[in-house]
């Protein structure tokens, strides 16, 4: 099982390894980066606070090609994807229906007649074929994509395990990303489901050599990254529960101000959703209750003086 060699396609700049480890390793938009014998990446020009450098569109396979996450309905980006895929395009695969990943799928399908694959119909996204946990897309005998249902970031989220001649990789969508943690925004986002999804990734055997995220560069130490995600989320949850236990009751905004002391104000909306997601998880475990319902504007009360003890080993 080999890792990924980030080199560029001929005609897209000099060949050679990219610097890895952060968003600067991705792009510029439109360049076709060859990540392995089976995988190429094209960055969509949609950078933002939420998308980082932009959405990664992946082309899997050679003789038969699957496009994974075509991104927003950006005609220039989609034309670049079509040129790179050529006549070999057979499938259009979507990890989840968020607007930075899915809208371009329908335009690609209309241009090519190729079927769109995704979890279900929602938010204007309509797959031609529904894909669930364990479903497969096979490019002959050269490679196979297997869907891994990983709700949490969204209730329709799928990762895809890629098995091929260069070993096992995981296209992780927005389940695991490079350079940042993942936004969990209720009610469609679910923290308990998200943490279980991380454990599913850790349970994969054989383990993937690298993760190919929806945003940012290649993650070359998957276990280390996913374990860090779990540790970070659980530490945040323990801190949140301790603050709420000491206060007796608090609003989401009051908890954000205490638990995220010194937070950049631009990140406050994201932190509010994260706190809300953790509170909903704790409520499901019987540790807190929403005494004044109102979602993000609600007020929460601790019903236990115990700090959560979810300290299961990360690979269980």
C-alpha atoms as a PDB file:
ATOM      1  CA  UNK A   1       0.000   0.000   0.000  1.00  0.00           C
ATOM      2  CA  UNK A   2       1.551   3.249  -1.094  1.00  0.00           C
ATOM      3  CA  UNK A   3       0.805   6.837  -0.196  1.00  0.00           C
ATOM      4  CA  UNK A   4      -0.055   9.596  -2.619  1.00  0.00           C
ATOM      5  CA  UNK A   5       2.463  11.344  -4.824  1.00  0.00           C
ATOM      6  CA  UNK A   6       1.191  14.842  -5.558  1.00  0.00           C
ATOM      7  CA  UNK A   7       2.458  15.601  -9.052  1.00  0.00           C
ATOM      8  CA  UNK A   8       0.938  17.675 -11.821  1.00  0.00           C
ATOM      9  CA  UNK A   9      -0.408  16.499 -15.115  1.00  0.00           C
ATOM     10  CA  UNK A  10       1.754  17.344 -18.126  1.00  0.00           C
ATOM     11  CA  UNK A  11       0.655  20.678 -19.493  1.00  0.00           C
ATOM     12  CA  UNK A  12      -0.293  22.030 -16.084  1.00  0.00           C
ATOM     13  CA  UNK A  13       3.082  23.227 -14.856  1.00  0.00           C
ATOM     14  CA  UNK A  14       6.309  21.428 -14.062  1.00  0.00           C
ATOM     15  CA  UNK A  15       6.013  17.894 -12.703  1.00  0.00           C
ATOM     16  CA  UNK A  16       7.226  17.299  -9.201  1.00  0.00           C
ATOM     17  CA  UNK A  17       6.040  16.869  -5.637  1.00  0.00           C
ATOM     18  CA  UNK A  18       3.898  19.583  -4.112  1.00  0.00           C
ATOM     19  CA  UNK A  19       4.564  20.960  -0.666  1.00  0.00           C
ATOM     20  CA  UNK A  20       2.054  19.238   1.633  1.00  0.00           C
ATOM     21  CA  UNK A  21       0.427  19.914   4.952  1.00  0.00           C
ATOM     22  CA  UNK A  22      -2.028  22.771   4.450  1.00  0.00           C
ATOM     23  CA  UNK A  23      -4.355  24.642   2.119  1.00  0.00           C
ATOM     24  CA  UNK A  24      -1.406  26.104   0.189  1.00  0.00           C
ATOM     25  CA  UNK A  25      -0.845  22.646  -1.279  1.00  0.00           C
ATOM     26  CA  UNK A  26      -4.107  22.860  -3.239  1.00  0.00           C
ATOM     27  CA  UNK A  27      -4.756  24.715  -6.453  1.00  0.00           C
ATOM     28  CA  UNK A  28      -4.708  27.132  -8.080  1.00  0.00           C
ATOM     29  CA  UNK A  29      -8.271  26.639  -9.303  1.00  0.00           C
ATOM     30  CA  UNK A  30      -8.497  24.787 -12.577  1.00  0.00           C
ATOM     31  CA  UNK A  31      -5.132  23.046 -12.394  1.00  0.00           C
ATOM     32  CA  UNK A  32      -5.306  19.256 -12.693  1.00  0.00           C
ATOM     33  CA  UNK A  33      -3.186  17.703  -9.951  1.00  0.00           C
ATOM     34  CA  UNK A  34      -2.363  14.008 -10.214  1.00  0.00           C
ATOM     35  CA  UNK A  35      -2.467  12.551  -6.708  1.00  0.00           C
ATOM     36  CA  UNK A  36      -2.019   8.871  -7.546  1.00  0.00           C
ATOM     37  CA  UNK A  37      -2.218   6.634 -10.620  1.00  0.00           C
ATOM     38  CA  UNK A  38      -5.997   6.584 -10.129  1.00  0.00           C
ATOM     39  CA  UNK A  39      -6.858  10.013  -8.710  1.00  0.00           C
ATOM     40  CA  UNK A  40      -6.723  13.567 -10.027  1.00  0.00           C
ATOM     41  CA  UNK A  41      -7.973  16.719  -8.310  1.00  0.00           C
ATOM     42  CA  UNK A  42      -9.299  20.017  -9.633  1.00  0.00           C
ATOM     43  CA  UNK A  43      -9.927  22.871  -7.208  1.00  0.00           C
ATOM     44  CA  UNK A  44     -13.139  24.812  -7.687  1.00  0.00           C
ATOM     45  CA  UNK A  45     -12.821  28.628  -7.508  1.00  0.00           C
ATOM     46  CA  UNK A  46     -15.120  29.047  -4.497  1.00  0.00           C
ATOM     47  CA  UNK A  47     -12.836  30.019  -1.579  1.00  0.00           C
ATOM     48  CA  UNK A  48     -14.484  31.296   1.604  1.00  0.00           C
ATOM     49  CA  UNK A  49     -14.406  31.062   5.372  1.00  0.00           C
ATOM     50  CA  UNK A  50     -16.495  27.888   5.132  1.00  0.00           C
ATOM     51  CA  UNK A  51     -14.808  26.234   2.132  1.00  0.00           C
ATOM     52  CA  UNK A  52     -11.166  27.164   2.744  1.00  0.00           C
ATOM     53  CA  UNK A  53      -9.314  27.282  -0.581  1.00  0.00           C
ATOM     54  CA  UNK A  54     -12.415  25.894  -2.321  1.00  0.00           C
ATOM     55  CA  UNK A  55     -14.102  22.571  -3.035  1.00  0.00           C
ATOM     56  CA  UNK A  56     -11.984  19.683  -4.289  1.00  0.00           C
ATOM     57  CA  UNK A  57     -13.409  17.826  -7.280  1.00  0.00           C
ATOM     58  CA  UNK A  58     -11.831  14.400  -7.724  1.00  0.00           C
ATOM     59  CA  UNK A  59     -11.567  12.318 -10.877  1.00  0.00           C
ATOM     60  CA  UNK A  60     -11.185   8.635 -10.038  1.00  0.00           C
ATOM     61  CA  UNK A  61      -9.993   6.124 -12.631  1.00  0.00           C
ATOM     62  CA  UNK A  62      -8.494   6.256 -16.110  1.00  0.00           C
ATOM     63  CA  UNK A  63     -10.272   3.987 -18.610  1.00  0.00           C
ATOM     64  CA  UNK A  64     -13.523   4.569 -16.731  1.00  0.00           C
ATOM     65  CA  UNK A  65     -13.813   7.727 -14.655  1.00  0.00           C
ATOM     66  CA  UNK A  66     -16.003   8.784 -11.730  1.00  0.00           C
ATOM     67  CA  UNK A  67     -16.197  12.481 -10.871  1.00  0.00           C
ATOM     68  CA  UNK A  68     -16.641  12.944  -7.118  1.00  0.00           C
ATOM     69  CA  UNK A  69     -18.157  16.225  -5.869  1.00  0.00           C
ATOM     70  CA  UNK A  70     -18.401  18.451  -8.958  1.00  0.00           C
ATOM     71  CA  UNK A  71     -18.971  21.435  -6.679  1.00  0.00           C
ATOM     72  CA  UNK A  72     -21.249  24.410  -7.332  1.00  0.00           C
ATOM     73  CA  UNK A  73     -22.808  25.050 -10.719  1.00  0.00           C
ATOM     74  CA  UNK A  74     -19.792  26.946 -12.031  1.00  0.00           C
ATOM     75  CA  UNK A  75     -19.626  26.636 -15.854  1.00  0.00           C
ATOM     76  CA  UNK A  76     -15.889  27.321 -16.069  1.00  0.00           C
ATOM     77  CA  UNK A  77     -15.019  24.754 -13.405  1.00  0.00           C
ATOM     78  CA  UNK A  78     -17.352  22.148 -14.868  1.00  0.00           C
ATOM     79  CA  UNK A  79     -15.860  22.637 -18.324  1.00  0.00           C
ATOM     80  CA  UNK A  80     -12.419  21.955 -16.889  1.00  0.00           C
ATOM     81  CA  UNK A  81     -13.750  18.796 -15.256  1.00  0.00           C
ATOM     82  CA  UNK A  82     -15.286  17.631 -18.535  1.00  0.00           C
ATOM     83  CA  UNK A  83     -12.076  18.240 -20.450  1.00  0.00           C
ATOM     84  CA  UNK A  84     -10.055  16.317 -17.852  1.00  0.00           C
ATOM     85  CA  UNK A  85     -12.499  13.393 -17.724  1.00  0.00           C
ATOM     86  CA  UNK A  86     -13.003  13.213 -21.479  1.00  0.00           C
ATOM     87  CA  UNK A  87     -14.971  10.360 -23.015  1.00  0.00           C
ATOM     88  CA  UNK A  88     -14.121   8.112 -20.064  1.00  0.00           C
ATOM     89  CA  UNK A  89     -16.646   9.745 -17.695  1.00  0.00           C
ATOM     90  CA  UNK A  90     -19.082   7.108 -16.428  1.00  0.00           C
ATOM     91  CA  UNK A  91     -20.367   8.291 -13.024  1.00  0.00           C
ATOM     92  CA  UNK A  92     -20.987  11.532 -11.139  1.00  0.00           C
ATOM     93  CA  UNK A  93     -20.761  10.889  -7.386  1.00  0.00           C
ATOM     94  CA  UNK A  94     -21.774  13.322  -4.627  1.00  0.00           C
ATOM     95  CA  UNK A  95     -20.740  12.986  -0.963  1.00  0.00           C
ATOM     96  CA  UNK A  96     -23.564  15.219   0.289  1.00  0.00           C
ATOM     97  CA  UNK A  97     -26.022  17.795  -1.003  1.00  0.00           C
ATOM     98  CA  UNK A  98     -24.482  20.986   0.388  1.00  0.00           C
ATOM     99  CA  UNK A  99     -24.270  23.837  -2.152  1.00  0.00           C
ATOM    100  CA  UNK A 100     -20.478  23.759  -2.378  1.00  0.00           C
ATOM    101  CA  UNK A 101     -20.475  20.069  -3.392  1.00  0.00           C
ATOM    102  CA  UNK A 102     -23.590  19.067  -5.305  1.00  0.00           C
ATOM    103  CA  UNK A 103     -25.206  21.630  -7.665  1.00  0.00           C
ATOM    104  CA  UNK A 104     -22.737  21.083 -10.503  1.00  0.00           C
ATOM    105  CA  UNK A 105     -23.749  17.438 -10.746  1.00  0.00           C
ATOM    106  CA  UNK A 106     -26.942  18.127 -12.681  1.00  0.00           C
ATOM    107  CA  UNK A 107     -25.234  20.300 -15.307  1.00  0.00           C
ATOM    108  CA  UNK A 108     -22.567  17.607 -15.812  1.00  0.00           C
ATOM    109  CA  UNK A 109     -25.290  14.988 -16.194  1.00  0.00           C
ATOM    110  CA  UNK A 110     -27.161  17.103 -18.739  1.00  0.00           C
ATOM    111  CA  UNK A 111     -23.977  17.619 -20.731  1.00  0.00           C
ATOM    112  CA  UNK A 112     -22.939  13.953 -20.746  1.00  0.00           C
ATOM    113  CA  UNK A 113     -25.963  11.744 -20.046  1.00  0.00           C
ATOM    114  CA  UNK A 114     -24.057  10.200 -17.126  1.00  0.00           C
ATOM    115  CA  UNK A 115     -25.973   9.187 -13.990  1.00  0.00           C
ATOM    116  CA  UNK A 116     -25.675  11.140 -10.739  1.00  0.00           C
ATOM    117  CA  UNK A 117     -25.164   9.062  -7.578  1.00  0.00           C
ATOM    118  CA  UNK A 118     -25.970  10.324  -4.081  1.00  0.00           C
ATOM    119  CA  UNK A 119     -27.638   9.435  -0.808  1.00  0.00           C
ATOM    120  CA  UNK A 120     -31.095  10.936  -1.358  1.00  0.00           C
ATOM    121  CA  UNK A 121     -33.086  13.841  -2.791  1.00  0.00           C
ATOM    122  CA  UNK A 122     -32.917  17.142  -0.888  1.00  0.00           C
ATOM    123  CA  UNK A 123     -32.187  20.848  -1.180  1.00  0.00           C
ATOM    124  CA  UNK A 124     -32.569  20.810  -4.962  1.00  0.00           C
ATOM    125  CA  UNK A 125     -30.251  17.820  -5.402  1.00  0.00           C
ATOM    126  CA  UNK A 126     -31.796  14.822  -7.137  1.00  0.00           C
ATOM    127  CA  UNK A 127     -29.671  11.715  -7.716  1.00  0.00           C
ATOM    128  CA  UNK A 128     -30.473   9.343 -10.546  1.00  0.00           C
ATOM    129  CA  UNK A 129     -29.303   6.480  -8.357  1.00  0.00           C
ATOM    130  CA  UNK A 130     -29.458   6.428  -4.574  1.00  0.00           C
ATOM    131  CA  UNK A 131     -26.343   5.156  -2.843  1.00  0.00           C
ATOM    132  CA  UNK A 132     -26.181   3.848   0.721  1.00  0.00           C
ATOM    133  CA  UNK A 133     -23.711   2.221   3.051  1.00  0.00           C
ATOM    134  CA  UNK A 134     -21.762  -0.549   1.330  1.00  0.00           C
ATOM    135  CA  UNK A 135     -22.910   0.247  -2.201  1.00  0.00           C
ATOM    136  CA  UNK A 136     -20.182   0.015  -4.806  1.00  0.00           C
ATOM    137  CA  UNK A 137     -19.055   1.698  -7.997  1.00  0.00           C
ATOM    138  CA  UNK A 138     -16.480  -0.370  -9.877  1.00  0.00           C
ATOM    139  CA  UNK A 139     -14.224   0.738 -12.696  1.00  0.00           C
ATOM    140  CA  UNK A 140     -13.754  -2.723 -14.143  1.00  0.00           C
ATOM    141  CA  UNK A 141     -11.068  -4.591 -12.205  1.00  0.00           C
ATOM    142  CA  UNK A 142      -8.823  -1.533 -11.798  1.00  0.00           C
ATOM    143  CA  UNK A 143     -10.615   0.169  -8.905  1.00  0.00           C
ATOM    144  CA  UNK A 144     -13.691   0.177  -6.714  1.00  0.00           C
ATOM    145  CA  UNK A 145     -15.462   2.873  -4.686  1.00  0.00           C
ATOM    146  CA  UNK A 146     -17.447   1.678  -1.667  1.00  0.00           C
ATOM    147  CA  UNK A 147     -19.840   4.042   0.101  1.00  0.00           C
ATOM    148  CA  UNK A 148     -19.360   4.544   3.838  1.00  0.00           C
ATOM    149  CA  UNK A 149     -22.361   6.212   5.473  1.00  0.00           C
ATOM    150  CA  UNK A 150     -21.019   8.897   7.817  1.00  0.00           C
ATOM    151  CA  UNK A 151     -23.805  11.255   8.945  1.00  0.00           C
ATOM    152  CA  UNK A 152     -23.006  14.081  11.308  1.00  0.00           C
ATOM    153  CA  UNK A 153     -21.877  17.015   9.200  1.00  0.00           C
ATOM    154  CA  UNK A 154     -25.101  16.339   7.315  1.00  0.00           C
ATOM    155  CA  UNK A 155     -27.576  13.483   7.554  1.00  0.00           C
ATOM    156  CA  UNK A 156     -26.902  12.438   3.947  1.00  0.00           C
ATOM    157  CA  UNK A 157     -23.107  12.360   4.145  1.00  0.00           C
ATOM    158  CA  UNK A 158     -21.133   9.587   2.462  1.00  0.00           C
ATOM    159  CA  UNK A 159     -17.410   8.944   2.402  1.00  0.00           C
ATOM    160  CA  UNK A 160     -16.050   6.668  -0.320  1.00  0.00           C
ATOM    161  CA  UNK A 161     -13.383   4.024   0.190  1.00  0.00           C
ATOM    162  CA  UNK A 162     -11.228   3.694  -2.927  1.00  0.00           C
ATOM    163  CA  UNK A 163      -9.502   0.346  -3.423  1.00  0.00           C
ATOM    164  CA  UNK A 164      -7.182   0.090  -6.401  1.00  0.00           C
ATOM    165  CA  UNK A 165      -3.738  -0.697  -7.666  1.00  0.00           C
ATOM    166  CA  UNK A 166      -2.133   1.911  -5.400  1.00  0.00           C
ATOM    167  CA  UNK A 167      -3.780   0.625  -2.231  1.00  0.00           C
ATOM    168  CA  UNK A 168      -6.632   2.049  -0.213  1.00  0.00           C
ATOM    169  CA  UNK A 169      -7.589   5.715   0.016  1.00  0.00           C
ATOM    170  CA  UNK A 170     -10.622   7.434   1.522  1.00  0.00           C
ATOM    171  CA  UNK A 171     -12.483  10.271  -0.162  1.00  0.00           C
ATOM    172  CA  UNK A 172     -13.731  11.879   3.022  1.00  0.00           C
ATOM    173  CA  UNK A 173     -15.928  14.729   1.757  1.00  0.00           C
ATOM    174  CA  UNK A 174     -16.636  17.040   4.693  1.00  0.00           C
ATOM    175  CA  UNK A 175     -16.290  14.286   7.306  1.00  0.00           C
ATOM    176  CA  UNK A 176     -12.562  14.884   7.767  1.00  0.00           C
ATOM    177  CA  UNK A 177     -10.795  17.893   6.245  1.00  0.00           C
ATOM    178  CA  UNK A 178      -7.345  19.398   6.014  1.00  0.00           C
ATOM    179  CA  UNK A 179      -6.494  22.428   8.084  1.00  0.00           C
ATOM    180  CA  UNK A 180      -9.642  22.709  10.213  1.00  0.00           C
ATOM    181  CA  UNK A 181     -12.331  20.837  12.070  1.00  0.00           C
ATOM    182  CA  UNK A 182     -15.757  20.239  10.557  1.00  0.00           C
ATOM    183  CA  UNK A 183     -18.865  22.368  11.123  1.00  0.00           C
ATOM    184  CA  UNK A 184     -21.698  20.448  12.797  1.00  0.00           C
ATOM    185  CA  UNK A 185     -24.828  22.577  12.424  1.00  0.00           C
ATOM    186  CA  UNK A 186     -28.092  21.195  13.857  1.00  0.00           C
ATOM    187  CA  UNK A 187     -30.726  20.209  13.221  1.00  0.00           C
ATOM    188  CA  UNK A 188     -29.405  18.320  10.187  1.00  0.00           C
ATOM    189  CA  UNK A 189     -25.941  18.159  11.749  1.00  0.00           C
ATOM    190  CA  UNK A 190     -25.644  15.655  14.576  1.00  0.00           C
ATOM    191  CA  UNK A 191     -22.644  15.514  16.920  1.00  0.00           C
ATOM    192  CA  UNK A 192     -23.313  12.019  18.273  1.00  0.00           C
ATOM    193  CA  UNK A 193     -23.602  10.611  14.760  1.00  0.00           C
ATOM    194  CA  UNK A 194     -20.501  12.526  13.707  1.00  0.00           C
ATOM    195  CA  UNK A 195     -18.334  11.035  16.446  1.00  0.00           C
ATOM    196  CA  UNK A 196     -19.575   7.542  15.624  1.00  0.00           C
ATOM    197  CA  UNK A 197     -18.701   8.213  11.985  1.00  0.00           C
ATOM    198  CA  UNK A 198     -15.153   9.109  12.979  1.00  0.00           C
ATOM    199  CA  UNK A 199     -14.897   5.815  14.823  1.00  0.00           C
ATOM    200  CA  UNK A 200     -16.115   4.016  11.704  1.00  0.00           C
ATOM    201  CA  UNK A 201     -13.257   5.533   9.750  1.00  0.00           C
ATOM    202  CA  UNK A 202     -10.798   4.347  12.397  1.00  0.00           C
ATOM    203  CA  UNK A 203     -12.247   0.829  12.205  1.00  0.00           C
ATOM    204  CA  UNK A 204     -11.583   0.444   8.462  1.00  0.00           C
ATOM    205  CA  UNK A 205      -9.358  -2.509   7.639  1.00  0.00           C
ATOM    206  CA  UNK A 206      -7.099  -2.271   5.840  1.00  0.00           C
ATOM    207  CA  UNK A 207      -6.621   1.326   6.922  1.00  0.00           C
ATOM    208  CA  UNK A 208      -6.536   3.964   4.176  1.00  0.00           C
ATOM    209  CA  UNK A 209      -3.056   5.250   3.395  1.00  0.00           C
ATOM    210  CA  UNK A 210      -4.364   8.800   2.956  1.00  0.00           C
ATOM    211  CA  UNK A 211      -7.571  10.811   3.095  1.00  0.00           C
ATOM    212  CA  UNK A 212      -8.715  12.952   0.177  1.00  0.00           C
ATOM    213  CA  UNK A 213     -10.880  15.660   1.781  1.00  0.00           C
ATOM    214  CA  UNK A 214     -13.519  17.892   0.258  1.00  0.00           C
ATOM    215  CA  UNK A 215     -11.461  20.926   1.237  1.00  0.00           C
ATOM    216  CA  UNK A 216      -7.723  21.353   1.655  1.00  0.00           C
ATOM    217  CA  UNK A 217      -4.759  19.124   0.945  1.00  0.00           C
ATOM    218  CA  UNK A 218      -4.215  15.397   1.199  1.00  0.00           C
ATOM    219  CA  UNK A 219      -4.263  14.064   4.777  1.00  0.00           C
ATOM    220  CA  UNK A 220      -1.319  11.670   4.911  1.00  0.00           C
ATOM    221  CA  UNK A 221      -1.667  10.408   8.476  1.00  0.00           C
ATOM    222  CA  UNK A 222      -5.358   9.478   8.653  1.00  0.00           C
ATOM    223  CA  UNK A 223      -5.381   7.749  12.029  1.00  0.00           C
ATOM    224  CA  UNK A 224      -3.544  10.607  13.711  1.00  0.00           C
ATOM    225  CA  UNK A 225      -5.901  13.183  12.203  1.00  0.00           C
ATOM    226  CA  UNK A 226      -9.106  11.323  13.061  1.00  0.00           C
ATOM    227  CA  UNK A 227      -7.967  10.559  16.601  1.00  0.00           C
ATOM    228  CA  UNK A 228      -7.157  14.262  16.995  1.00  0.00           C
ATOM    229  CA  UNK A 229     -10.681  15.131  15.819  1.00  0.00           C
ATOM    230  CA  UNK A 230     -12.175  12.796  18.412  1.00  0.00           C
ATOM    231  CA  UNK A 231      -9.965  14.034  21.230  1.00  0.00           C
ATOM    232  CA  UNK A 232     -10.659  17.658  20.327  1.00  0.00           C
ATOM    233  CA  UNK A 233     -14.442  17.195  20.228  1.00  0.00           C
ATOM    234  CA  UNK A 234     -14.591  15.244  23.480  1.00  0.00           C
ATOM    235  CA  UNK A 235     -12.325  17.710  25.284  1.00  0.00           C
ATOM    236  CA  UNK A 236     -14.553  20.557  24.113  1.00  0.00           C
ATOM    237  CA  UNK A 237     -17.606  18.666  25.304  1.00  0.00           C
ATOM    238  CA  UNK A 238     -16.111  18.054  28.755  1.00  0.00           C
ATOM    239  CA  UNK A 239     -15.252  21.746  29.068  1.00  0.00           C
ATOM    240  CA  UNK A 240     -18.755  22.718  27.982  1.00  0.00           C
ATOM    241  CA  UNK A 241     -20.384  20.337  30.461  1.00  0.00           C
ATOM    242  CA  UNK A 242     -18.169  21.589  33.281  1.00  0.00           C
ATOM    243  CA  UNK A 243     -19.021  25.227  32.576  1.00  0.00           C
ATOM    244  CA  UNK A 244     -22.734  24.473  32.366  1.00  0.00           C
ATOM    245  CA  UNK A 245     -22.575  22.403  35.542  1.00  0.00           C
ATOM    246  CA  UNK A 246     -20.921  25.270  37.418  1.00  0.00           C
ATOM    247  CA  UNK A 247     -23.355  27.871  36.047  1.00  0.00           C
ATOM    248  CA  UNK A 248     -26.461  25.745  36.548  1.00  0.00           C
ATOM    249  CA  UNK A 249     -28.009  27.076  33.365  1.00  0.00           C
ATOM    250  CA  UNK A 250     -26.809  29.098  30.393  1.00  0.00           C
ATOM    251  CA  UNK A 251     -27.602  30.110  26.841  1.00  0.00           C
ATOM    252  CA  UNK A 252     -25.561  29.044  23.839  1.00  0.00           C
ATOM    253  CA  UNK A 253     -24.056  32.533  23.585  1.00  0.00           C
ATOM    254  CA  UNK A 254     -23.048  32.526  27.252  1.00  0.00           C
ATOM    255  CA  UNK A 255     -21.357  29.160  26.821  1.00  0.00           C
ATOM    256  CA  UNK A 256     -19.541  30.297  23.672  1.00  0.00           C
ATOM    257  CA  UNK A 257     -18.192  33.350  25.492  1.00  0.00           C
ATOM    258  CA  UNK A 258     -16.748  31.176  28.256  1.00  0.00           C
ATOM    259  CA  UNK A 259     -15.648  28.011  26.461  1.00  0.00           C
ATOM    260  CA  UNK A 260     -14.250  29.854  23.413  1.00  0.00           C
ATOM    261  CA  UNK A 261     -12.575  32.715  25.270  1.00  0.00           C
ATOM    262  CA  UNK A 262     -10.653  34.979  22.878  1.00  0.00           C
ATOM    263  CA  UNK A 263     -12.405  33.596  19.794  1.00  0.00           C
ATOM    264  CA  UNK A 264     -12.164  35.584  16.571  1.00  0.00           C
ATOM    265  CA  UNK A 265     -15.619  37.217  16.242  1.00  0.00           C
ATOM    266  CA  UNK A 266     -15.814  36.026  12.632  1.00  0.00           C
ATOM    267  CA  UNK A 267     -15.858  32.439  13.923  1.00  0.00           C
ATOM    268  CA  UNK A 268     -18.537  33.012  16.561  1.00  0.00           C
ATOM    269  CA  UNK A 269     -21.447  31.790  14.368  1.00  0.00           C
ATOM    270  CA  UNK A 270     -19.632  28.501  13.773  1.00  0.00           C
ATOM    271  CA  UNK A 271     -18.863  28.129  17.482  1.00  0.00           C
ATOM    272  CA  UNK A 272     -22.550  28.688  18.320  1.00  0.00           C
ATOM    273  CA  UNK A 273     -23.553  25.770  16.106  1.00  0.00           C
ATOM    274  CA  UNK A 274     -20.837  23.577  17.605  1.00  0.00           C
ATOM    275  CA  UNK A 275     -21.989  24.315  21.156  1.00  0.00           C
ATOM    276  CA  UNK A 276     -25.611  23.685  20.181  1.00  0.00           C
ATOM    277  CA  UNK A 277     -24.625  20.356  18.601  1.00  0.00           C
ATOM    278  CA  UNK A 278     -22.786  19.283  21.754  1.00  0.00           C
ATOM    279  CA  UNK A 279     -25.750  20.302  23.937  1.00  0.00           C
ATOM    280  CA  UNK A 280     -28.117  18.229  21.811  1.00  0.00           C
ATOM    281  CA  UNK A 281     -25.780  15.244  22.190  1.00  0.00           C
ATOM    282  CA  UNK A 282     -25.577  15.737  25.965  1.00  0.00           C
ATOM    283  CA  UNK A 283     -29.370  16.056  26.102  1.00  0.00           C
ATOM    284  CA  UNK A 284     -29.687  12.748  24.288  1.00  0.00           C
ATOM    285  CA  UNK A 285     -27.474  11.217  26.973  1.00  0.00           C
ATOM    286  CA  UNK A 286     -29.649  12.668  29.747  1.00  0.00           C
ATOM    287  CA  UNK A 287     -26.950  15.035  31.023  1.00  0.00           C
ATOM    288  CA  UNK A 288     -28.607  18.358  30.142  1.00  0.00           C
ATOM    289  CA  UNK A 289     -32.085  19.610  29.342  1.00  0.00           C
ATOM    290  CA  UNK A 290     -33.304  22.535  27.284  1.00  0.00           C
ATOM    291  CA  UNK A 291     -35.256  24.471  29.909  1.00  0.00           C
ATOM    292  CA  UNK A 292     -36.265  27.264  27.516  1.00  0.00           C
ATOM    293  CA  UNK A 293     -36.590  25.746  24.061  1.00  0.00           C
ATOM    294  CA  UNK A 294     -35.477  27.868  21.164  1.00  0.00           C
ATOM    295  CA  UNK A 295     -32.699  26.122  19.293  1.00  0.00           C
ATOM    296  CA  UNK A 296     -29.700  28.415  19.101  1.00  0.00           C
ATOM    297  CA  UNK A 297     -31.594  30.907  21.256  1.00  0.00           C
ATOM    298  CA  UNK A 298     -32.621  28.346  23.876  1.00  0.00           C
ATOM    299  CA  UNK A 299     -31.440  28.033  27.444  1.00  0.00           C
ATOM    300  CA  UNK A 300     -29.909  24.868  28.834  1.00  0.00           C
ATOM    301  CA  UNK A 301     -29.537  23.384  32.296  1.00  0.00           C
ATOM    302  CA  UNK A 302     -27.251  20.679  33.623  1.00  0.00           C
ATOM    303  CA  UNK A 303     -29.033  17.743  35.265  1.00  0.00           C
ATOM    304  CA  UNK A 304     -25.852  16.038  36.405  1.00  0.00           C
ATOM    305  CA  UNK A 305     -22.798  17.246  38.233  1.00  0.00           C
ATOM    306  CA  UNK A 306     -20.762  14.638  36.407  1.00  0.00           C
ATOM    307  CA  UNK A 307     -18.509  15.606  33.540  1.00  0.00           C
ATOM    308  CA  UNK A 308     -19.134  13.353  30.493  1.00  0.00           C
ATOM    309  CA  UNK A 309     -16.954  10.271  30.599  1.00  0.00           C
ATOM    310  CA  UNK A 310     -16.949   9.335  26.931  1.00  0.00           C
ATOM    311  CA  UNK A 311     -13.320   8.279  26.960  1.00  0.00           C
ATOM    312  CA  UNK A 312     -13.595   5.131  24.856  1.00  0.00           C
ATOM    313  CA  UNK A 313     -10.434   4.342  22.933  1.00  0.00           C
ATOM    314  CA  UNK A 314     -10.552   6.136  19.611  1.00  0.00           C
ATOM    315  CA  UNK A 315     -10.455   2.924  17.584  1.00  0.00           C
ATOM    316  CA  UNK A 316     -13.494   1.277  19.162  1.00  0.00           C
END
